[in-house]
Amino acid sequence: MDKYTKTVLAVIAFALVLIATQNVITPAKARGEDCGWNQYNPCYVKLVP
């Protein structure tokens, strides 16, 4: 492999590590008007076909 290919693969690997650790550092939270502000008041999603 040449230097360019190694650099591109290293950048891709670094980006994948950042994506994988993103929720560990800042967990995702639901946003809504009256839901999701604690674990006892969850948000519900209705799927409409």
Protein backbone atom coordinates (compact mmCIF):
# COMPACT_ATOMS: atom_id res chain seq x y z
CA MET A 1 0.00 0.00 0.00
CA ASP A 2 1.22 3.46 -0.74
CA LYS A 3 1.29 6.38 1.68
CA TYR A 4 -1.93 7.94 0.32
CA THR A 5 -3.95 4.75 0.82
CA LYS A 6 -2.64 4.32 4.37
CA THR A 7 -3.55 7.92 5.18
CA VAL A 8 -7.07 7.57 3.80
CA LEU A 9 -7.62 4.32 5.71
CA ALA A 10 -6.30 5.90 8.91
CA VAL A 11 -8.72 8.84 8.54
CA ILE A 12 -11.63 6.44 7.97
CA ALA A 13 -10.62 4.35 10.99
CA PHE A 14 -10.34 7.45 13.17
CA ALA A 15 -13.79 8.64 12.06
CA LEU A 16 -15.30 5.23 12.85
CA VAL A 17 -13.78 5.30 16.34
CA LEU A 18 -15.26 8.76 16.93
CA ILE A 19 -18.70 7.58 15.80
CA ALA A 20 -18.50 4.46 17.97
CA THR A 21 -17.54 6.39 21.11
CA GLN A 22 -19.92 9.31 20.57
CA ASN A 23 -22.77 7.86 22.67
CA VAL A 24 -20.40 6.83 25.45
CA ILE A 25 -19.24 10.40 25.95
CA THR A 26 -22.60 12.15 25.46
CA PRO A 27 -25.57 9.76 25.62
CA ALA A 28 -28.45 10.47 23.28
CA LYS A 29 -31.60 11.87 24.86
CA ALA A 30 -35.11 12.08 23.55
CA ARG A 31 -36.53 15.53 22.96
CA GLY A 32 -40.18 16.37 23.10
CA GLU A 33 -42.67 18.68 24.67
CA ASP A 34 -43.77 16.66 27.69
CA CYS A 35 -41.79 13.48 27.29
CA GLY A 36 -38.30 12.23 27.76
CA TRP A 37 -37.24 14.49 30.60
CA ASN A 38 -36.75 11.48 32.89
CA GLN A 39 -36.90 7.70 32.69
CA TYR A 40 -40.44 7.55 34.07
CA ASN A 41 -41.92 9.75 31.35
CA PRO A 42 -40.76 8.16 28.07
CA CYS A 43 -41.53 9.34 24.56
CA TYR A 44 -43.55 7.03 22.34
CA VAL A 45 -43.34 6.87 18.56
CA LYS A 46 -46.31 5.76 16.49
CA LEU A 47 -45.51 4.23 13.13
CA VAL A 48 -48.16 4.90 10.51
CA PRO A 49 -48.17 2.62 7.45
